[in-house]
């Protein structure tokens, strides 16, 4: 039953993240998804500076992917998904001017640097069911979890990505 598996992920991630008890000056957001017969829930712990700059300090992930054959591969896949999703959330943007893409290559396209990576904690719901997919499911919850944490911090809803610090600047 997908709803039960997603509930297990949400329960596990909330417990492991200390839901409702973020570090001082930080705010939490949560999100979850079911896809590729897998289930993922994430808590992002975020701070927002006075100038609106967002820093994601910690991401806690819980997944239900059936029986785990290689736990290190699960962890690596999730960590990579978090890097990608963090880029979508805070940095990646393709700009068009008169129908022409302005970014010529990676030198014009900001990627997440190692000093910008949050701590990532991975937890797997134990299962004896057949293995399911792990590549994509951890990607969609992160932008939602980060934006929910931003809302908790600022009271402002983020309505487009990447997040723009100027739109979050405090008066």
N, C-alpha and C. Protein backbone atom coordinates (compact mmCIF):
# COMPACT_ATOMS: atom_id res chain seq x y z
N UNK A 1 0.85 -1.18 0.00
CA UNK A 1 0.00 0.00 0.00
C UNK A 1 0.89 1.25 0.00
N UNK A 2 0.90 2.03 -1.11
CA UNK A 2 1.78 3.20 -1.21
C UNK A 2 1.60 4.22 -0.10
N UNK A 3 0.36 4.50 0.32
CA UNK A 3 0.15 5.51 1.37
C UNK A 3 0.82 5.08 2.66
N UNK A 4 0.76 3.80 3.00
CA UNK A 4 1.40 3.30 4.21
C UNK A 4 2.91 3.39 4.13
N UNK A 5 3.47 3.12 2.96
CA UNK A 5 4.92 3.21 2.79
C UNK A 5 5.40 4.65 2.88
N UNK A 6 4.64 5.55 2.28
CA UNK A 6 5.00 6.97 2.36
C UNK A 6 4.88 7.47 3.80
N UNK A 7 3.86 7.00 4.49
CA UNK A 7 3.70 7.36 5.91
C UNK A 7 4.89 6.86 6.72
N UNK A 8 5.37 5.65 6.42
CA UNK A 8 6.55 5.13 7.12
C UNK A 8 7.76 6.03 6.89
N UNK A 9 7.92 6.49 5.65
CA UNK A 9 9.04 7.41 5.34
C UNK A 9 8.90 8.71 6.11
N UNK A 10 7.71 9.28 6.10
CA UNK A 10 7.49 10.55 6.82
C UNK A 10 7.74 10.40 8.31
N UNK A 11 7.28 9.30 8.87
CA UNK A 11 7.49 9.07 10.30
C UNK A 11 8.97 8.93 10.61
N UNK A 12 9.68 8.15 9.80
CA UNK A 12 11.11 7.93 10.02
C UNK A 12 11.90 9.23 9.84
N UNK A 13 11.64 9.98 8.78
CA UNK A 13 12.41 11.20 8.54
C UNK A 13 12.14 12.24 9.62
N UNK A 14 10.90 12.34 10.07
CA UNK A 14 10.59 13.31 11.14
C UNK A 14 11.32 12.94 12.42
N UNK A 15 11.35 11.65 12.73
CA UNK A 15 12.06 11.19 13.94
C UNK A 15 13.56 11.47 13.83
N UNK A 16 14.16 11.09 12.72
CA UNK A 16 15.62 11.21 12.55
C UNK A 16 16.06 12.67 12.44
N UNK A 17 15.18 13.53 11.91
CA UNK A 17 15.54 14.94 11.75
C UNK A 17 15.27 15.75 13.01
N UNK A 18 14.59 15.15 13.98
CA UNK A 18 14.20 15.93 15.16
C UNK A 18 13.18 16.98 14.77
N UNK A 19 12.15 16.54 14.02
CA UNK A 19 11.15 17.47 13.49
C UNK A 19 10.60 18.35 14.60
N UNK A 20 10.56 19.64 14.32
CA UNK A 20 10.06 20.60 15.28
C UNK A 20 11.11 21.10 16.25
N UNK A 21 12.32 20.59 16.14
CA UNK A 21 13.40 21.00 17.04
C UNK A 21 14.67 21.32 16.25
N UNK A 22 14.61 22.29 15.34
CA UNK A 22 15.81 22.61 14.56
C UNK A 22 16.88 23.28 15.44
N UNK A 23 18.09 23.29 14.93
CA UNK A 23 19.18 24.01 15.61
C UNK A 23 18.81 25.49 15.69
N UNK A 24 19.34 26.22 16.67
CA UNK A 24 19.03 27.65 16.79
C UNK A 24 19.34 28.41 15.50
N UNK A 25 18.42 29.28 15.10
CA UNK A 25 18.59 30.09 13.90
C UNK A 25 18.27 29.35 12.61
N UNK A 26 17.81 28.12 12.73
CA UNK A 26 17.48 27.33 11.55
C UNK A 26 15.99 26.98 11.57
N UNK A 27 15.49 26.66 10.39
CA UNK A 27 14.08 26.34 10.23
C UNK A 27 13.96 25.08 9.39
N UNK A 28 12.91 24.31 9.63
CA UNK A 28 12.73 23.03 8.94
C UNK A 28 11.57 23.08 7.97
N UNK A 29 11.72 22.33 6.90
CA UNK A 29 10.65 22.10 5.94
C UNK A 29 10.64 20.63 5.60
N UNK A 30 9.48 20.09 5.25
CA UNK A 30 9.35 18.67 4.97
C UNK A 30 8.58 18.49 3.67
N UNK A 31 8.88 17.43 2.94
CA UNK A 31 8.16 17.09 1.72
C UNK A 31 8.39 15.61 1.43
N UNK A 32 7.50 15.04 0.60
CA UNK A 32 7.59 13.61 0.29
C UNK A 32 7.01 13.34 -1.09
N UNK A 33 7.38 12.17 -1.62
CA UNK A 33 6.89 11.77 -2.95
C UNK A 33 6.89 10.25 -3.05
N UNK A 34 6.00 9.76 -3.91
CA UNK A 34 6.02 8.35 -4.32
C UNK A 34 6.24 8.34 -5.83
N UNK A 35 7.26 7.62 -6.29
CA UNK A 35 7.52 7.50 -7.72
C UNK A 35 8.42 6.29 -7.97
N UNK A 36 8.30 5.71 -9.16
CA UNK A 36 9.09 4.55 -9.54
C UNK A 36 8.95 3.42 -8.52
N UNK A 37 7.75 3.28 -7.97
CA UNK A 37 7.44 2.27 -6.95
C UNK A 37 8.25 2.47 -5.67
N UNK A 38 8.85 3.63 -5.53
CA UNK A 38 9.63 3.98 -4.33
C UNK A 38 8.97 5.16 -3.64
N UNK A 39 9.43 5.41 -2.43
CA UNK A 39 8.85 6.47 -1.62
C UNK A 39 9.99 7.19 -0.91
N UNK A 40 9.92 8.53 -0.88
CA UNK A 40 10.98 9.31 -0.26
C UNK A 40 10.38 10.48 0.50
N UNK A 41 10.93 10.76 1.67
CA UNK A 41 10.55 11.93 2.46
C UNK A 41 11.82 12.62 2.90
N UNK A 42 11.78 13.95 2.94
CA UNK A 42 12.97 14.71 3.28
C UNK A 42 12.63 15.88 4.19
N UNK A 43 13.55 16.15 5.10
CA UNK A 43 13.49 17.35 5.93
C UNK A 43 14.74 18.17 5.59
N UNK A 44 14.52 19.43 5.26
CA UNK A 44 15.62 20.37 5.02
C UNK A 44 15.69 21.33 6.19
N UNK A 45 16.90 21.56 6.67
CA UNK A 45 17.13 22.52 7.75
C UNK A 45 17.87 23.69 7.13
N UNK A 46 17.28 24.87 7.21
CA UNK A 46 17.70 26.03 6.43
C UNK A 46 17.83 27.26 7.32
N UNK A 47 18.73 28.16 6.94
CA UNK A 47 18.76 29.49 7.53
C UNK A 47 18.62 30.50 6.39
N UNK A 48 18.05 31.66 6.73
CA UNK A 48 17.90 32.73 5.76
C UNK A 48 18.51 33.98 6.37
N UNK A 49 19.53 34.52 5.72
CA UNK A 49 20.22 35.72 6.20
C UNK A 49 19.36 36.96 5.98
N UNK A 50 19.72 38.06 6.60
CA UNK A 50 18.97 39.31 6.47
C UNK A 50 18.89 39.77 5.01
N UNK A 51 19.93 39.46 4.21
CA UNK A 51 19.91 39.85 2.80
C UNK A 51 19.14 38.86 1.93
N UNK A 52 18.55 37.83 2.56
CA UNK A 52 17.76 36.84 1.84
C UNK A 52 18.53 35.63 1.36
N UNK A 53 19.84 35.61 1.60
CA UNK A 53 20.65 34.45 1.18
C UNK A 53 20.21 33.21 1.96
N UNK A 54 20.02 32.12 1.24
CA UNK A 54 19.55 30.86 1.82
C UNK A 54 20.72 29.91 1.94
N UNK A 55 20.80 29.27 3.08
CA UNK A 55 21.82 28.23 3.31
C UNK A 55 21.10 26.98 3.78
N UNK A 56 21.30 25.88 3.08
CA UNK A 56 20.75 24.59 3.50
C UNK A 56 21.86 23.90 4.29
N UNK A 57 21.63 23.69 5.57
CA UNK A 57 22.65 23.14 6.46
C UNK A 57 22.59 21.62 6.55
N UNK A 58 21.39 21.07 6.45
CA UNK A 58 21.22 19.64 6.71
C UNK A 58 20.00 19.14 5.94
N UNK A 59 20.15 17.96 5.36
CA UNK A 59 19.02 17.29 4.70
C UNK A 59 18.96 15.87 5.25
N UNK A 60 17.80 15.51 5.76
CA UNK A 60 17.59 14.16 6.26
C UNK A 60 16.61 13.49 5.31
N UNK A 61 16.97 12.30 4.84
CA UNK A 61 16.18 11.59 3.84
C UNK A 61 15.79 10.22 4.40
N UNK A 62 14.54 9.86 4.17
CA UNK A 62 14.08 8.50 4.48
C UNK A 62 13.44 7.94 3.21
N UNK A 63 13.81 6.73 2.85
CA UNK A 63 13.27 6.10 1.64
C UNK A 63 12.73 4.71 1.94
N UNK A 64 11.74 4.33 1.16
CA UNK A 64 11.24 2.96 1.16
C UNK A 64 11.47 2.46 -0.26
N UNK A 65 12.47 1.60 -0.41
CA UNK A 65 12.88 1.12 -1.74
C UNK A 65 12.88 -0.40 -1.80
N UNK A 66 12.07 -1.01 -0.96
CA UNK A 66 12.07 -2.47 -0.92
C UNK A 66 13.35 -2.97 -0.26
N UNK A 67 13.68 -4.20 -0.56
CA UNK A 67 14.87 -4.82 0.02
C UNK A 67 16.13 -4.14 -0.54
N UNK A 68 17.03 -3.77 0.34
CA UNK A 68 18.27 -3.10 -0.06
C UNK A 68 19.35 -4.14 -0.30
N UNK A 69 19.90 -4.12 -1.51
CA UNK A 69 20.95 -5.07 -1.87
C UNK A 69 22.32 -4.47 -1.58
N UNK A 70 22.52 -3.19 -1.92
CA UNK A 70 23.80 -2.53 -1.71
C UNK A 70 23.56 -1.17 -1.04
N UNK A 71 23.63 -1.13 0.29
CA UNK A 71 23.32 0.11 1.01
C UNK A 71 24.20 1.30 0.62
N UNK A 72 25.47 1.06 0.31
CA UNK A 72 26.35 2.17 -0.07
C UNK A 72 25.89 2.79 -1.39
N UNK A 73 25.37 1.97 -2.30
CA UNK A 73 24.86 2.52 -3.56
C UNK A 73 23.62 3.36 -3.33
N UNK A 74 22.77 2.94 -2.41
CA UNK A 74 21.57 3.73 -2.06
C UNK A 74 22.02 5.10 -1.54
N UNK A 75 22.94 5.10 -0.61
CA UNK A 75 23.43 6.34 -0.01
C UNK A 75 24.05 7.24 -1.08
N UNK A 76 24.89 6.70 -1.93
CA UNK A 76 25.54 7.48 -2.98
C UNK A 76 24.52 8.07 -3.94
N UNK A 77 23.55 7.27 -4.32
CA UNK A 77 22.52 7.72 -5.26
C UNK A 77 21.73 8.89 -4.64
N UNK A 78 21.40 8.77 -3.37
CA UNK A 78 20.64 9.82 -2.70
C UNK A 78 21.49 11.09 -2.54
N UNK A 79 22.74 10.95 -2.17
CA UNK A 79 23.61 12.12 -2.03
C UNK A 79 23.73 12.85 -3.37
N UNK A 80 23.89 12.11 -4.45
CA UNK A 80 23.95 12.73 -5.78
C UNK A 80 22.65 13.42 -6.14
N UNK A 81 21.54 12.81 -5.79
CA UNK A 81 20.24 13.42 -6.06
C UNK A 81 20.08 14.73 -5.29
N UNK A 82 20.59 14.77 -4.07
CA UNK A 82 20.50 16.00 -3.27
C UNK A 82 21.34 17.11 -3.90
N UNK A 83 22.53 16.78 -4.39
CA UNK A 83 23.36 17.79 -5.08
C UNK A 83 22.59 18.36 -6.26
N UNK A 84 22.02 17.48 -7.08
CA UNK A 84 21.29 17.92 -8.26
C UNK A 84 20.09 18.78 -7.87
N UNK A 85 19.31 18.30 -6.91
CA UNK A 85 18.11 19.03 -6.50
C UNK A 85 18.45 20.36 -5.84
N UNK A 86 19.54 20.42 -5.10
CA UNK A 86 19.96 21.67 -4.48
C UNK A 86 20.34 22.69 -5.56
N UNK A 87 20.98 22.22 -6.61
CA UNK A 87 21.29 23.10 -7.74
C UNK A 87 20.03 23.65 -8.38
N UNK A 88 19.03 22.78 -8.62
CA UNK A 88 17.76 23.24 -9.18
C UNK A 88 17.11 24.29 -8.29
N UNK A 89 17.23 24.08 -6.99
CA UNK A 89 16.53 24.92 -6.02
C UNK A 89 17.20 26.29 -5.86
N UNK A 90 18.52 26.32 -5.80
CA UNK A 90 19.21 27.56 -5.44
C UNK A 90 20.03 28.20 -6.55
N UNK A 91 20.34 27.48 -7.63
CA UNK A 91 21.30 28.03 -8.58
C UNK A 91 20.93 27.93 -10.05
N UNK A 92 20.50 26.79 -10.49
CA UNK A 92 20.36 26.53 -11.93
C UNK A 92 19.27 27.39 -12.57
N UNK A 93 19.68 28.07 -13.62
CA UNK A 93 18.73 28.88 -14.36
C UNK A 93 19.25 29.02 -15.79
N UNK A 94 18.37 28.83 -16.73
CA UNK A 94 18.70 29.08 -18.14
C UNK A 94 17.98 30.37 -18.51
N UNK A 95 18.74 31.37 -18.89
CA UNK A 95 18.19 32.67 -19.23
C UNK A 95 18.08 32.81 -20.75
N UNK A 96 16.92 33.28 -21.18
CA UNK A 96 16.70 33.53 -22.61
C UNK A 96 16.59 35.03 -22.84
N UNK A 97 17.30 35.54 -23.84
CA UNK A 97 17.18 36.92 -24.27
C UNK A 97 16.90 36.90 -25.76
N UNK A 98 15.74 37.39 -26.14
CA UNK A 98 15.31 37.35 -27.54
C UNK A 98 15.40 35.93 -28.11
N UNK A 99 15.05 34.95 -27.29
CA UNK A 99 15.02 33.56 -27.73
C UNK A 99 16.37 32.88 -27.76
N UNK A 100 17.42 33.55 -27.26
CA UNK A 100 18.77 32.99 -27.29
C UNK A 100 19.21 32.66 -25.85
N UNK A 101 19.66 31.42 -25.65
CA UNK A 101 20.16 31.01 -24.34
C UNK A 101 21.45 31.77 -24.06
N UNK A 102 21.56 32.36 -22.87
CA UNK A 102 22.70 33.18 -22.51
C UNK A 102 23.88 32.39 -21.94
N UNK A 103 23.62 31.21 -21.41
CA UNK A 103 24.69 30.39 -20.83
C UNK A 103 25.36 29.58 -21.94
N UNK A 104 26.67 29.80 -22.11
CA UNK A 104 27.40 29.11 -23.17
C UNK A 104 27.93 27.76 -22.70
N UNK A 105 28.07 27.57 -21.40
CA UNK A 105 28.61 26.32 -20.87
C UNK A 105 28.64 26.38 -19.36
N UNK A 106 29.34 25.42 -18.76
CA UNK A 106 29.39 25.36 -17.30
C UNK A 106 30.04 26.58 -16.67
N UNK A 107 30.87 27.31 -17.41
CA UNK A 107 31.47 28.52 -16.85
C UNK A 107 30.41 29.59 -16.58
N UNK A 108 29.27 29.52 -17.27
CA UNK A 108 28.17 30.47 -17.09
C UNK A 108 27.00 29.88 -16.31
N UNK A 109 27.15 28.65 -15.86
CA UNK A 109 26.05 27.92 -15.23
C UNK A 109 26.50 27.47 -13.86
N UNK A 110 26.05 28.17 -12.81
CA UNK A 110 26.57 27.87 -11.47
C UNK A 110 26.16 26.49 -10.95
N UNK A 111 27.14 25.76 -10.48
CA UNK A 111 26.91 24.45 -9.89
C UNK A 111 27.11 24.53 -8.38
N UNK A 112 26.55 23.59 -7.66
CA UNK A 112 26.73 23.54 -6.21
C UNK A 112 28.18 23.17 -5.92
N UNK A 113 28.83 23.98 -5.10
CA UNK A 113 30.21 23.70 -4.70
C UNK A 113 30.22 22.89 -3.42
N UNK A 114 31.32 22.25 -3.14
CA UNK A 114 31.40 21.38 -1.97
C UNK A 114 31.15 22.16 -0.68
N UNK A 115 31.59 23.42 -0.62
CA UNK A 115 31.37 24.20 0.60
C UNK A 115 29.92 24.65 0.76
N UNK A 116 29.10 24.41 -0.25
CA UNK A 116 27.68 24.74 -0.18
C UNK A 116 26.82 23.51 0.11
N UNK A 117 27.43 22.35 0.14
CA UNK A 117 26.68 21.11 0.36
C UNK A 117 26.28 20.97 1.82
N UNK A 118 25.02 20.64 2.05
CA UNK A 118 24.60 20.38 3.42
C UNK A 118 25.04 18.99 3.87
N UNK A 119 24.98 18.77 5.16
CA UNK A 119 25.14 17.40 5.67
C UNK A 119 23.92 16.62 5.19
N UNK A 120 24.14 15.42 4.69
CA UNK A 120 23.05 14.58 4.20
C UNK A 120 23.02 13.29 5.01
N UNK A 121 21.88 13.01 5.61
CA UNK A 121 21.68 11.78 6.38
C UNK A 121 20.67 10.91 5.64
N UNK A 122 21.00 9.66 5.44
CA UNK A 122 20.14 8.74 4.69
C UNK A 122 19.65 7.64 5.61
N UNK A 123 18.35 7.40 5.58
CA UNK A 123 17.73 6.34 6.37
C UNK A 123 16.80 5.54 5.47
N UNK A 124 16.84 4.22 5.61
CA UNK A 124 16.04 3.33 4.77
C UNK A 124 15.03 2.59 5.64
N UNK A 125 13.78 2.61 5.21
CA UNK A 125 12.75 1.84 5.89
C UNK A 125 13.02 0.37 5.59
N UNK A 126 13.19 -0.47 6.62
CA UNK A 126 13.46 -1.89 6.39
C UNK A 126 12.30 -2.57 5.65
N UNK A 127 12.64 -3.44 4.70
CA UNK A 127 11.62 -4.12 3.92
C UNK A 127 12.17 -5.41 3.33
N UNK A 128 11.29 -6.38 3.17
CA UNK A 128 11.64 -7.64 2.49
C UNK A 128 11.02 -7.69 1.09
N UNK A 129 10.40 -6.59 0.65
CA UNK A 129 9.78 -6.54 -0.66
C UNK A 129 10.85 -6.43 -1.75
N UNK A 130 10.51 -6.73 -3.00
CA UNK A 130 11.49 -6.61 -4.08
C UNK A 130 12.03 -5.18 -4.18
N UNK A 131 13.30 -5.02 -4.58
CA UNK A 131 13.89 -3.69 -4.72
C UNK A 131 13.15 -2.84 -5.75
N UNK A 132 13.14 -1.52 -5.52
CA UNK A 132 12.52 -0.57 -6.44
C UNK A 132 13.55 0.48 -6.84
N UNK A 133 13.12 1.53 -7.54
CA UNK A 133 14.04 2.54 -8.05
C UNK A 133 14.51 3.53 -7.00
N UNK A 134 15.74 4.03 -7.16
CA UNK A 134 16.27 5.01 -6.21
C UNK A 134 16.88 6.23 -6.90
N UNK A 135 17.06 6.22 -8.20
CA UNK A 135 17.72 7.34 -8.88
C UNK A 135 16.99 8.66 -8.77
N UNK A 136 15.73 8.71 -9.18
CA UNK A 136 15.00 9.96 -9.23
C UNK A 136 14.19 10.31 -7.98
N UNK A 137 13.63 9.36 -7.25
CA UNK A 137 12.72 9.73 -6.15
C UNK A 137 13.25 10.75 -5.14
N UNK A 138 14.53 10.80 -4.81
CA UNK A 138 14.96 11.81 -3.83
C UNK A 138 15.04 13.23 -4.38
N UNK A 139 14.89 13.43 -5.69
CA UNK A 139 15.05 14.77 -6.26
C UNK A 139 13.86 15.69 -5.98
N UNK A 140 12.62 15.32 -6.31
CA UNK A 140 11.51 16.27 -6.15
C UNK A 140 11.22 16.76 -4.74
N UNK A 141 11.40 15.97 -3.69
CA UNK A 141 11.06 16.51 -2.37
C UNK A 141 11.97 17.65 -1.90
N UNK A 142 13.22 17.71 -2.37
CA UNK A 142 14.14 18.70 -1.81
C UNK A 142 13.71 20.14 -2.08
N UNK A 143 13.39 20.53 -3.32
CA UNK A 143 12.96 21.92 -3.50
C UNK A 143 11.75 22.27 -2.63
N UNK A 144 10.80 21.36 -2.53
CA UNK A 144 9.61 21.62 -1.71
C UNK A 144 9.98 21.74 -0.23
N UNK A 145 10.84 20.86 0.26
CA UNK A 145 11.26 20.91 1.66
C UNK A 145 12.01 22.21 1.95
N UNK A 146 12.91 22.61 1.06
CA UNK A 146 13.66 23.86 1.24
C UNK A 146 12.70 25.05 1.23
N UNK A 147 11.78 25.08 0.27
CA UNK A 147 10.84 26.20 0.20
C UNK A 147 9.91 26.23 1.40
N UNK A 148 9.54 25.08 1.93
CA UNK A 148 8.74 25.04 3.15
C UNK A 148 9.53 25.58 4.34
N UNK A 149 10.82 25.28 4.39
CA UNK A 149 11.68 25.81 5.46
C UNK A 149 11.84 27.32 5.31
N UNK A 150 11.98 27.79 4.08
CA UNK A 150 12.06 29.24 3.84
C UNK A 150 10.80 29.93 4.32
N UNK A 151 9.65 29.32 4.06
CA UNK A 151 8.39 29.88 4.54
C UNK A 151 8.36 29.94 6.07
N UNK A 152 8.84 28.87 6.70
CA UNK A 152 8.89 28.85 8.17
C UNK A 152 9.79 29.97 8.69
N UNK A 153 10.87 30.27 7.95
CA UNK A 153 11.83 31.30 8.38
C UNK A 153 11.35 32.72 8.12
N UNK A 154 10.66 32.91 6.99
CA UNK A 154 10.36 34.27 6.54
C UNK A 154 8.88 34.61 6.44
N UNK A 155 8.03 33.59 6.38
CA UNK A 155 6.61 33.82 6.13
C UNK A 155 6.32 34.12 4.67
N UNK A 156 7.34 33.99 3.80
CA UNK A 156 7.17 34.25 2.37
C UNK A 156 7.18 32.94 1.60
N UNK A 157 6.21 32.79 0.68
CA UNK A 157 6.15 31.61 -0.17
C UNK A 157 7.03 31.83 -1.39
N UNK A 158 7.85 30.85 -1.70
CA UNK A 158 8.67 30.88 -2.90
C UNK A 158 7.80 30.36 -4.03
N UNK A 159 7.72 31.13 -5.12
CA UNK A 159 6.82 30.76 -6.21
C UNK A 159 7.55 30.40 -7.49
N UNK A 160 8.88 30.49 -7.48
CA UNK A 160 9.65 30.07 -8.67
C UNK A 160 11.07 29.72 -8.24
N UNK A 161 11.67 28.89 -9.05
CA UNK A 161 13.04 28.46 -8.81
C UNK A 161 13.92 28.94 -9.95
N UNK A 162 15.19 29.21 -9.69
CA UNK A 162 15.85 29.08 -8.41
C UNK A 162 15.40 30.17 -7.44
N UNK A 163 15.58 29.91 -6.16
CA UNK A 163 15.24 30.86 -5.11
C UNK A 163 16.10 32.10 -5.31
N UNK A 164 15.48 33.26 -5.23
CA UNK A 164 16.20 34.52 -5.40
C UNK A 164 16.29 35.24 -4.05
N UNK A 165 17.52 35.45 -3.62
CA UNK A 165 17.74 36.07 -2.30
C UNK A 165 17.04 37.41 -2.19
N UNK A 166 17.06 38.21 -3.23
CA UNK A 166 16.44 39.54 -3.19
C UNK A 166 14.96 39.49 -2.86
N UNK A 167 14.27 38.43 -3.26
CA UNK A 167 12.84 38.30 -2.98
C UNK A 167 12.58 37.92 -1.53
N UNK A 168 13.63 37.46 -0.83
CA UNK A 168 13.48 37.05 0.57
C UNK A 168 14.05 38.07 1.54
N UNK A 169 14.66 39.13 1.01
CA UNK A 169 15.29 40.14 1.86
C UNK A 169 14.30 40.64 2.90
N UNK A 170 14.78 40.76 4.11
CA UNK A 170 13.92 41.25 5.19
C UNK A 170 13.90 42.76 5.21
N UNK A 171 12.77 43.32 5.49
CA UNK A 171 12.61 44.79 5.50
C UNK A 171 13.31 45.41 6.69
